[in-house]
């Protein structure tokens, strides 16, 4: 073979024996490791979501010990993604690990719940103020539709359905405020409070009261008055806190006076 000038070209030195194959094998190994990591990470997120659903719905009650073998068989996954999901849920405040004992669904103490309610009330007040100034007609229609659905759940005496709609209502209001950092912090706190909020709605008489408070919140936001909207959301959160404390004391009294306790 000649160059453009007509001079014979020097033959290119052949690659070292086995170099292309080794490089190819090494590259494939890295690719497989990356894919495996992505698959494992994705699977752990799916497992986390399912465990979170079971905890927030009450199917996995506070204090429940989570057995790796049982859950791995139930969810059809290996223990690796399951352990990673445990770690993520512990960071989210839903699980706790006891050394040499295992992993448990976390039971939030009442004093910590009260602190979270106080923080939530301040955040809700801010959200109410902001939405009164900027909520759109479409967004207002959406939250009114959620309150309509909540009132239907009250008539049907569907406490579980009402609880889920309640969570969705508040989550959407915070989301509509447009502060991503606030939204992330709020969601973490609400997950920790889920047990108490679900127990608050266990008494059927309370659902109509709660639905009325949500209707008042939407009315205040729709009025365009930041003071009224902030006040309505703050008051609702503080009412939830008071109900939580009252229900906790009631359960403590009932437990202390039960034959089993005696």
C-alpha atoms as a PDB file:
ATOM      1  CA  UNK A   1       0.000   0.000   0.000  1.00  0.00           C
ATOM      2  CA  UNK A   2       1.264   3.503  -0.902  1.00  0.00           C
ATOM      3  CA  UNK A   3       0.746   6.886   0.709  1.00  0.00           C
ATOM      4  CA  UNK A   4      -0.652   9.863  -1.238  1.00  0.00           C
ATOM      5  CA  UNK A   5       2.922  10.831  -2.131  1.00  0.00           C
ATOM      6  CA  UNK A   6       3.520   7.405  -3.633  1.00  0.00           C
ATOM      7  CA  UNK A   7       5.896   6.203  -0.916  1.00  0.00           C
ATOM      8  CA  UNK A   8       5.142   2.828   0.532  1.00  0.00           C
ATOM      9  CA  UNK A   9       3.375   3.031   3.833  1.00  0.00           C
ATOM     10  CA  UNK A  10       4.800   1.324   6.876  1.00  0.00           C
ATOM     11  CA  UNK A  11       2.683  -1.509   8.062  1.00  0.00           C
ATOM     12  CA  UNK A  12       0.896  -0.713  11.286  1.00  0.00           C
ATOM     13  CA  UNK A  13       2.191  -2.684  14.213  1.00  0.00           C
ATOM     14  CA  UNK A  14      -0.255  -5.426  15.099  1.00  0.00           C
ATOM     15  CA  UNK A  15      -1.901  -5.046  18.478  1.00  0.00           C
ATOM     16  CA  UNK A  16      -0.479  -7.001  21.347  1.00  0.00           C
ATOM     17  CA  UNK A  17      -1.752 -10.533  21.476  1.00  0.00           C
ATOM     18  CA  UNK A  18      -5.154 -10.685  23.188  1.00  0.00           C
ATOM     19  CA  UNK A  19      -5.418  -6.898  23.822  1.00  0.00           C
ATOM     20  CA  UNK A  20      -8.638  -6.296  21.830  1.00  0.00           C
ATOM     21  CA  UNK A  21     -10.331  -9.297  23.394  1.00  0.00           C
ATOM     22  CA  UNK A  22      -9.237  -8.268  26.870  1.00  0.00           C
ATOM     23  CA  UNK A  23     -10.418  -4.693  26.363  1.00  0.00           C
ATOM     24  CA  UNK A  24     -13.720  -5.907  24.982  1.00  0.00           C
ATOM     25  CA  UNK A  25     -14.208  -8.290  27.868  1.00  0.00           C
ATOM     26  CA  UNK A  26     -13.327  -5.559  30.365  1.00  0.00           C
ATOM     27  CA  UNK A  27     -15.774  -3.134  28.740  1.00  0.00           C
ATOM     28  CA  UNK A  28     -18.510  -5.747  28.740  1.00  0.00           C
ATOM     29  CA  UNK A  29     -17.816  -6.453  32.392  1.00  0.00           C
ATOM     30  CA  UNK A  30     -18.215  -2.778  33.255  1.00  0.00           C
ATOM     31  CA  UNK A  31     -21.425  -2.595  31.230  1.00  0.00           C
ATOM     32  CA  UNK A  32     -22.857  -5.662  32.946  1.00  0.00           C
ATOM     33  CA  UNK A  33     -21.930  -4.267  36.346  1.00  0.00           C
ATOM     34  CA  UNK A  34     -23.602  -0.938  35.503  1.00  0.00           C
ATOM     35  CA  UNK A  35     -26.757  -2.636  34.266  1.00  0.00           C
ATOM     36  CA  UNK A  36     -26.870  -4.855  37.340  1.00  0.00           C
ATOM     37  CA  UNK A  37     -26.453  -1.802  39.570  1.00  0.00           C
ATOM     38  CA  UNK A  38     -29.254   0.055  37.785  1.00  0.00           C
ATOM     39  CA  UNK A  39     -31.506  -2.980  37.947  1.00  0.00           C
ATOM     40  CA  UNK A  40     -30.797  -3.438  41.642  1.00  0.00           C
ATOM     41  CA  UNK A  41     -31.342   0.247  42.373  1.00  0.00           C
ATOM     42  CA  UNK A  42     -34.579   0.294  40.394  1.00  0.00           C
ATOM     43  CA  UNK A  43     -35.825  -2.871  42.092  1.00  0.00           C
ATOM     44  CA  UNK A  44     -34.990  -1.468  45.526  1.00  0.00           C
ATOM     45  CA  UNK A  45     -37.084   1.616  44.719  1.00  0.00           C
ATOM     46  CA  UNK A  46     -40.016  -0.577  43.692  1.00  0.00           C
ATOM     47  CA  UNK A  47     -39.701  -2.606  46.892  1.00  0.00           C
ATOM     48  CA  UNK A  48     -39.469   0.608  48.914  1.00  0.00           C
ATOM     49  CA  UNK A  49     -42.665   1.902  47.338  1.00  0.00           C
ATOM     50  CA  UNK A  50     -44.559  -1.298  48.091  1.00  0.00           C
ATOM     51  CA  UNK A  51     -43.354  -1.474  51.708  1.00  0.00           C
ATOM     52  CA  UNK A  52     -44.201   2.187  52.168  1.00  0.00           C
ATOM     53  CA  UNK A  53     -47.719   1.526  50.864  1.00  0.00           C
ATOM     54  CA  UNK A  54     -48.155  -1.372  53.305  1.00  0.00           C
ATOM     55  CA  UNK A  55     -46.958   0.781  56.211  1.00  0.00           C
ATOM     56  CA  UNK A  56     -49.033   3.863  55.383  1.00  0.00           C
ATOM     57  CA  UNK A  57     -52.168   1.769  54.788  1.00  0.00           C
ATOM     58  CA  UNK A  58     -51.751   0.132  58.193  1.00  0.00           C
ATOM     59  CA  UNK A  59     -51.218  -3.382  56.845  1.00  0.00           C
ATOM     60  CA  UNK A  60     -47.775  -3.317  58.445  1.00  0.00           C
ATOM     61  CA  UNK A  61     -48.596  -1.819  61.832  1.00  0.00           C
ATOM     62  CA  UNK A  62     -46.189   0.144  64.045  1.00  0.00           C
ATOM     63  CA  UNK A  63     -43.977  -2.200  66.021  1.00  0.00           C
ATOM     64  CA  UNK A  64     -44.203  -4.988  63.426  1.00  0.00           C
ATOM     65  CA  UNK A  65     -40.936  -6.865  62.918  1.00  0.00           C
ATOM     66  CA  UNK A  66     -40.014  -7.210  59.250  1.00  0.00           C
ATOM     67  CA  UNK A  67     -38.570 -10.629  58.396  1.00  0.00           C
ATOM     68  CA  UNK A  68     -36.334 -10.626  55.333  1.00  0.00           C
ATOM     69  CA  UNK A  69     -37.150 -14.188  54.257  1.00  0.00           C
ATOM     70  CA  UNK A  70     -40.916 -13.680  54.506  1.00  0.00           C
ATOM     71  CA  UNK A  71     -40.952 -10.333  52.705  1.00  0.00           C
ATOM     72  CA  UNK A  72     -38.537 -11.481  50.005  1.00  0.00           C
ATOM     73  CA  UNK A  73     -40.831 -14.429  49.232  1.00  0.00           C
ATOM     74  CA  UNK A  74     -43.939 -12.260  49.357  1.00  0.00           C
ATOM     75  CA  UNK A  75     -42.526  -9.589  47.033  1.00  0.00           C
ATOM     76  CA  UNK A  76     -40.627 -12.034  44.811  1.00  0.00           C
ATOM     77  CA  UNK A  77     -37.233 -10.365  45.226  1.00  0.00           C
ATOM     78  CA  UNK A  78     -33.831 -11.257  46.624  1.00  0.00           C
ATOM     79  CA  UNK A  79     -32.617  -9.949  49.953  1.00  0.00           C
ATOM     80  CA  UNK A  80     -30.254  -7.377  48.399  1.00  0.00           C
ATOM     81  CA  UNK A  81     -32.945  -4.968  47.085  1.00  0.00           C
ATOM     82  CA  UNK A  82     -34.990  -5.622  50.220  1.00  0.00           C
ATOM     83  CA  UNK A  83     -32.142  -4.526  52.501  1.00  0.00           C
ATOM     84  CA  UNK A  84     -31.589  -1.416  50.394  1.00  0.00           C
ATOM     85  CA  UNK A  85     -35.327  -0.626  50.672  1.00  0.00           C
ATOM     86  CA  UNK A  86     -35.066  -1.059  54.457  1.00  0.00           C
ATOM     87  CA  UNK A  87     -32.199   1.446  54.509  1.00  0.00           C
ATOM     88  CA  UNK A  88     -34.158   4.022  52.474  1.00  0.00           C
ATOM     89  CA  UNK A  89     -37.268   3.626  54.633  1.00  0.00           C
ATOM     90  CA  UNK A  90     -35.196   4.026  57.791  1.00  0.00           C
ATOM     91  CA  UNK A  91     -33.856   7.306  56.394  1.00  0.00           C
ATOM     92  CA  UNK A  92     -37.467   8.326  55.661  1.00  0.00           C
ATOM     93  CA  UNK A  93     -38.377   7.734  59.312  1.00  0.00           C
ATOM     94  CA  UNK A  94     -40.715   4.782  58.737  1.00  0.00           C
ATOM     95  CA  UNK A  95     -38.465   1.950  59.970  1.00  0.00           C
ATOM     96  CA  UNK A  96     -36.003   1.486  62.817  1.00  0.00           C
ATOM     97  CA  UNK A  97     -33.189  -1.042  63.147  1.00  0.00           C
ATOM     98  CA  UNK A  98     -32.375  -2.593  66.514  1.00  0.00           C
ATOM     99  CA  UNK A  99     -28.923  -4.150  66.754  1.00  0.00           C
ATOM    100  CA  UNK A 100     -29.031  -7.946  67.001  1.00  0.00           C
ATOM    101  CA  UNK A 101     -32.848  -7.871  66.933  1.00  0.00           C
ATOM    102  CA  UNK A 102     -33.963  -6.819  63.473  1.00  0.00           C
ATOM    103  CA  UNK A 103     -35.937  -4.196  61.561  1.00  0.00           C
ATOM    104  CA  UNK A 104     -39.254  -2.849  62.842  1.00  0.00           C
ATOM    105  CA  UNK A 105     -41.977  -0.510  61.601  1.00  0.00           C
ATOM    106  CA  UNK A 106     -41.366   2.653  63.561  1.00  0.00           C
ATOM    107  CA  UNK A 107     -43.851   3.725  66.205  1.00  0.00           C
ATOM    108  CA  UNK A 108     -43.751   7.540  66.426  1.00  0.00           C
ATOM    109  CA  UNK A 109     -43.938   8.686  70.076  1.00  0.00           C
ATOM    110  CA  UNK A 110     -46.683  11.188  70.858  1.00  0.00           C
ATOM    111  CA  UNK A 111     -44.274  13.998  71.818  1.00  0.00           C
ATOM    112  CA  UNK A 112     -42.537  13.710  68.445  1.00  0.00           C
ATOM    113  CA  UNK A 113     -45.927  13.672  66.685  1.00  0.00           C
ATOM    114  CA  UNK A 114     -46.885  16.911  68.458  1.00  0.00           C
ATOM    115  CA  UNK A 115     -43.655  18.548  67.267  1.00  0.00           C
ATOM    116  CA  UNK A 116     -44.370  17.443  63.695  1.00  0.00           C
ATOM    117  CA  UNK A 117     -47.932  18.797  63.882  1.00  0.00           C
ATOM    118  CA  UNK A 118     -46.601  22.186  65.036  1.00  0.00           C
ATOM    119  CA  UNK A 119     -44.152  22.277  62.143  1.00  0.00           C
ATOM    120  CA  UNK A 120     -46.833  21.154  59.720  1.00  0.00           C
ATOM    121  CA  UNK A 121     -49.169  23.929  60.913  1.00  0.00           C
ATOM    122  CA  UNK A 122     -46.548  26.584  60.125  1.00  0.00           C
ATOM    123  CA  UNK A 123     -45.926  25.068  56.686  1.00  0.00           C
ATOM    124  CA  UNK A 124     -49.654  24.821  55.957  1.00  0.00           C
ATOM    125  CA  UNK A 125     -50.153  28.464  56.886  1.00  0.00           C
ATOM    126  CA  UNK A 126     -47.474  29.486  54.384  1.00  0.00           C
ATOM    127  CA  UNK A 127     -49.037  27.295  51.677  1.00  0.00           C
ATOM    128  CA  UNK A 128     -52.494  28.768  52.309  1.00  0.00           C
ATOM    129  CA  UNK A 129     -51.185  32.313  52.023  1.00  0.00           C
ATOM    130  CA  UNK A 130     -49.364  31.606  48.773  1.00  0.00           C
ATOM    131  CA  UNK A 131     -52.250  29.748  47.141  1.00  0.00           C
ATOM    132  CA  UNK A 132     -54.719  32.528  47.948  1.00  0.00           C
ATOM    133  CA  UNK A 133     -52.589  34.805  45.782  1.00  0.00           C
ATOM    134  CA  UNK A 134     -51.722  32.486  42.908  1.00  0.00           C
ATOM    135  CA  UNK A 135     -54.045  29.464  42.610  1.00  0.00           C
ATOM    136  CA  UNK A 136     -55.493  29.010  39.120  1.00  0.00           C
ATOM    137  CA  UNK A 137     -59.106  28.297  38.212  1.00  0.00           C
ATOM    138  CA  UNK A 138     -58.164  24.772  37.086  1.00  0.00           C
ATOM    139  CA  UNK A 139     -56.367  24.065  40.355  1.00  0.00           C
ATOM    140  CA  UNK A 140     -59.293  25.402  42.361  1.00  0.00           C
ATOM    141  CA  UNK A 141     -61.628  23.125  40.441  1.00  0.00           C
ATOM    142  CA  UNK A 142     -59.358  20.162  41.193  1.00  0.00           C
ATOM    143  CA  UNK A 143     -59.244  20.686  44.972  1.00  0.00           C
ATOM    144  CA  UNK A 144     -63.006  21.315  45.072  1.00  0.00           C
ATOM    145  CA  UNK A 145     -63.418  17.972  43.322  1.00  0.00           C
ATOM    146  CA  UNK A 146     -61.300  16.314  46.021  1.00  0.00           C
ATOM    147  CA  UNK A 147     -63.500  17.798  48.753  1.00  0.00           C
ATOM    148  CA  UNK A 148     -66.602  16.585  46.878  1.00  0.00           C
ATOM    149  CA  UNK A 149     -65.089  13.090  46.834  1.00  0.00           C
ATOM    150  CA  UNK A 150     -64.298  13.339  50.553  1.00  0.00           C
ATOM    151  CA  UNK A 151     -67.913  14.231  51.306  1.00  0.00           C
ATOM    152  CA  UNK A 152     -69.081  11.226  49.280  1.00  0.00           C
ATOM    153  CA  UNK A 153     -66.725   9.033  51.332  1.00  0.00           C
ATOM    154  CA  UNK A 154     -68.309  10.448  54.494  1.00  0.00           C
ATOM    155  CA  UNK A 155     -71.789   9.489  53.286  1.00  0.00           C
ATOM    156  CA  UNK A 156     -70.544   6.012  52.399  1.00  0.00           C
ATOM    157  CA  UNK A 157     -68.810   5.744  55.799  1.00  0.00           C
ATOM    158  CA  UNK A 158     -65.628   4.837  53.929  1.00  0.00           C
ATOM    159  CA  UNK A 159     -62.940   5.773  56.482  1.00  0.00           C
ATOM    160  CA  UNK A 160     -60.071   4.302  54.473  1.00  0.00           C
ATOM    161  CA  UNK A 161     -61.141   6.077  51.278  1.00  0.00           C
ATOM    162  CA  UNK A 162     -61.537   9.312  53.199  1.00  0.00           C
ATOM    163  CA  UNK A 163     -58.064   8.984  54.719  1.00  0.00           C
ATOM    164  CA  UNK A 164     -56.455   8.546  51.283  1.00  0.00           C
ATOM    165  CA  UNK A 165     -58.379  11.521  49.862  1.00  0.00           C
ATOM    166  CA  UNK A 166     -57.338  13.585  52.861  1.00  0.00           C
ATOM    167  CA  UNK A 167     -53.680  12.803  52.173  1.00  0.00           C
ATOM    168  CA  UNK A 168     -54.126  13.609  48.478  1.00  0.00           C
ATOM    169  CA  UNK A 169     -55.878  16.926  49.210  1.00  0.00           C
ATOM    170  CA  UNK A 170     -53.076  18.291  51.381  1.00  0.00           C
ATOM    171  CA  UNK A 171     -50.329  16.895  49.174  1.00  0.00           C
ATOM    172  CA  UNK A 172     -51.792  18.651  46.130  1.00  0.00           C
ATOM    173  CA  UNK A 173     -52.087  21.981  47.945  1.00  0.00           C
ATOM    174  CA  UNK A 174     -48.422  21.839  48.933  1.00  0.00           C
ATOM    175  CA  UNK A 175     -47.471  20.760  45.417  1.00  0.00           C
ATOM    176  CA  UNK A 176     -49.438  23.653  43.912  1.00  0.00           C
ATOM    177  CA  UNK A 177     -47.473  26.127  46.040  1.00  0.00           C
ATOM    178  CA  UNK A 178     -44.518  25.321  43.774  1.00  0.00           C
ATOM    179  CA  UNK A 179     -41.744  25.052  46.394  1.00  0.00           C
ATOM    180  CA  UNK A 180     -40.016  21.735  45.730  1.00  0.00           C
ATOM    181  CA  UNK A 181     -37.945  21.785  48.910  1.00  0.00           C
ATOM    182  CA  UNK A 182     -41.005  22.507  51.030  1.00  0.00           C
ATOM    183  CA  UNK A 183     -42.878  19.735  49.245  1.00  0.00           C
ATOM    184  CA  UNK A 184     -40.132  17.155  49.926  1.00  0.00           C
ATOM    185  CA  UNK A 185     -39.891  18.034  53.632  1.00  0.00           C
ATOM    186  CA  UNK A 186     -43.672  18.120  53.998  1.00  0.00           C
ATOM    187  CA  UNK A 187     -44.112  14.672  52.458  1.00  0.00           C
ATOM    188  CA  UNK A 188     -41.528  13.133  54.780  1.00  0.00           C
ATOM    189  CA  UNK A 189     -43.278  14.584  57.836  1.00  0.00           C
ATOM    190  CA  UNK A 190     -46.734  13.510  56.648  1.00  0.00           C
ATOM    191  CA  UNK A 191     -45.597   9.911  56.193  1.00  0.00           C
ATOM    192  CA  UNK A 192     -44.414   9.851  59.797  1.00  0.00           C
ATOM    193  CA  UNK A 193     -47.797  11.224  60.940  1.00  0.00           C
ATOM    194  CA  UNK A 194     -49.833   8.793  58.869  1.00  0.00           C
ATOM    195  CA  UNK A 195     -50.576   6.409  61.747  1.00  0.00           C
ATOM    196  CA  UNK A 196     -51.978   9.148  63.978  1.00  0.00           C
ATOM    197  CA  UNK A 197     -54.040  10.716  61.207  1.00  0.00           C
ATOM    198  CA  UNK A 198     -55.550   7.365  60.282  1.00  0.00           C
ATOM    199  CA  UNK A 199     -56.465   6.660  63.922  1.00  0.00           C
ATOM    200  CA  UNK A 200     -58.043  10.111  64.211  1.00  0.00           C
ATOM    201  CA  UNK A 201     -60.492   9.196  61.454  1.00  0.00           C
ATOM    202  CA  UNK A 202     -61.332   5.798  62.937  1.00  0.00           C
ATOM    203  CA  UNK A 203     -64.278   7.387  64.760  1.00  0.00           C
ATOM    204  CA  UNK A 204     -67.008   7.850  62.173  1.00  0.00           C
ATOM    205  CA  UNK A 205     -68.370  11.036  63.736  1.00  0.00           C
ATOM    206  CA  UNK A 206     -65.129  12.879  63.048  1.00  0.00           C
ATOM    207  CA  UNK A 207     -65.164  12.526  59.258  1.00  0.00           C
ATOM    208  CA  UNK A 208     -67.976  15.082  58.666  1.00  0.00           C
ATOM    209  CA  UNK A 209     -66.154  17.566  60.923  1.00  0.00           C
ATOM    210  CA  UNK A 210     -62.931  17.047  58.995  1.00  0.00           C
ATOM    211  CA  UNK A 211     -64.701  17.362  55.638  1.00  0.00           C
ATOM    212  CA  UNK A 212     -66.221  20.668  56.772  1.00  0.00           C
ATOM    213  CA  UNK A 213     -62.759  21.974  57.669  1.00  0.00           C
ATOM    214  CA  UNK A 214     -61.478  21.077  54.196  1.00  0.00           C
ATOM    215  CA  UNK A 215     -64.405  22.829  52.557  1.00  0.00           C
ATOM    216  CA  UNK A 216     -63.618  25.943  54.643  1.00  0.00           C
ATOM    217  CA  UNK A 217     -59.973  25.804  53.521  1.00  0.00           C
ATOM    218  CA  UNK A 218     -60.950  25.781  49.838  1.00  0.00           C
ATOM    219  CA  UNK A 219     -63.401  28.641  50.403  1.00  0.00           C
ATOM    220  CA  UNK A 220     -60.727  30.741  52.126  1.00  0.00           C
ATOM    221  CA  UNK A 221     -58.183  30.092  49.348  1.00  0.00           C
ATOM    222  CA  UNK A 222     -60.778  30.912  46.681  1.00  0.00           C
ATOM    223  CA  UNK A 223     -61.526  34.247  48.414  1.00  0.00           C
ATOM    224  CA  UNK A 224     -58.049  35.481  47.510  1.00  0.00           C
ATOM    225  CA  UNK A 225     -57.441  36.589  51.095  1.00  0.00           C
ATOM    226  CA  UNK A 226     -53.973  35.345  52.208  1.00  0.00           C
ATOM    227  CA  UNK A 227     -54.735  36.022  55.887  1.00  0.00           C
ATOM    228  CA  UNK A 228     -57.954  34.002  55.850  1.00  0.00           C
ATOM    229  CA  UNK A 229     -56.435  31.135  53.850  1.00  0.00           C
ATOM    230  CA  UNK A 230     -53.361  30.899  56.064  1.00  0.00           C
ATOM    231  CA  UNK A 231     -55.510  31.027  59.181  1.00  0.00           C
ATOM    232  CA  UNK A 232     -57.844  28.276  57.914  1.00  0.00           C
ATOM    233  CA  UNK A 233     -54.980  25.907  57.123  1.00  0.00           C
ATOM    234  CA  UNK A 234     -53.147  26.643  60.372  1.00  0.00           C
ATOM    235  CA  UNK A 235     -56.308  26.065  62.426  1.00  0.00           C
ATOM    236  CA  UNK A 236     -57.008  22.766  60.646  1.00  0.00           C
ATOM    237  CA  UNK A 237     -53.515  21.453  61.426  1.00  0.00           C
ATOM    238  CA  UNK A 238     -53.796  22.490  65.076  1.00  0.00           C
ATOM    239  CA  UNK A 239     -57.227  20.830  65.340  1.00  0.00           C
ATOM    240  CA  UNK A 240     -55.610  17.642  64.022  1.00  0.00           C
ATOM    241  CA  UNK A 241     -52.927  17.922  66.683  1.00  0.00           C
ATOM    242  CA  UNK A 242     -55.500  18.398  69.467  1.00  0.00           C
ATOM    243  CA  UNK A 243     -57.495  15.399  68.241  1.00  0.00           C
ATOM    244  CA  UNK A 244     -54.321  13.315  68.125  1.00  0.00           C
ATOM    245  CA  UNK A 245     -53.412  14.141  71.718  1.00  0.00           C
ATOM    246  CA  UNK A 246     -56.992  13.519  72.922  1.00  0.00           C
ATOM    247  CA  UNK A 247     -57.196  10.162  71.115  1.00  0.00           C
ATOM    248  CA  UNK A 248     -53.799   9.134  72.469  1.00  0.00           C
ATOM    249  CA  UNK A 249     -54.889   9.865  76.048  1.00  0.00           C
ATOM    250  CA  UNK A 250     -58.155   8.004  75.449  1.00  0.00           C
ATOM    251  CA  UNK A 251     -56.304   4.915  74.163  1.00  0.00           C
ATOM    252  CA  UNK A 252     -53.909   5.049  77.109  1.00  0.00           C
ATOM    253  CA  UNK A 253     -56.815   5.196  79.559  1.00  0.00           C
ATOM    254  CA  UNK A 254     -58.616   2.320  77.848  1.00  0.00           C
ATOM    255  CA  UNK A 255     -55.457   0.224  77.801  1.00  0.00           C
ATOM    256  CA  UNK A 256     -54.759   0.855  81.487  1.00  0.00           C
ATOM    257  CA  UNK A 257     -58.297  -0.115  82.505  1.00  0.00           C
ATOM    258  CA  UNK A 258     -58.571  -3.216  80.296  1.00  0.00           C
ATOM    259  CA  UNK A 259     -58.615  -6.695  81.947  1.00  0.00           C
ATOM    260  CA  UNK A 260     -55.527  -7.684  79.974  1.00  0.00           C
ATOM    261  CA  UNK A 261     -53.578  -4.737  81.346  1.00  0.00           C
ATOM    262  CA  UNK A 262     -54.732  -5.572  84.861  1.00  0.00           C
END
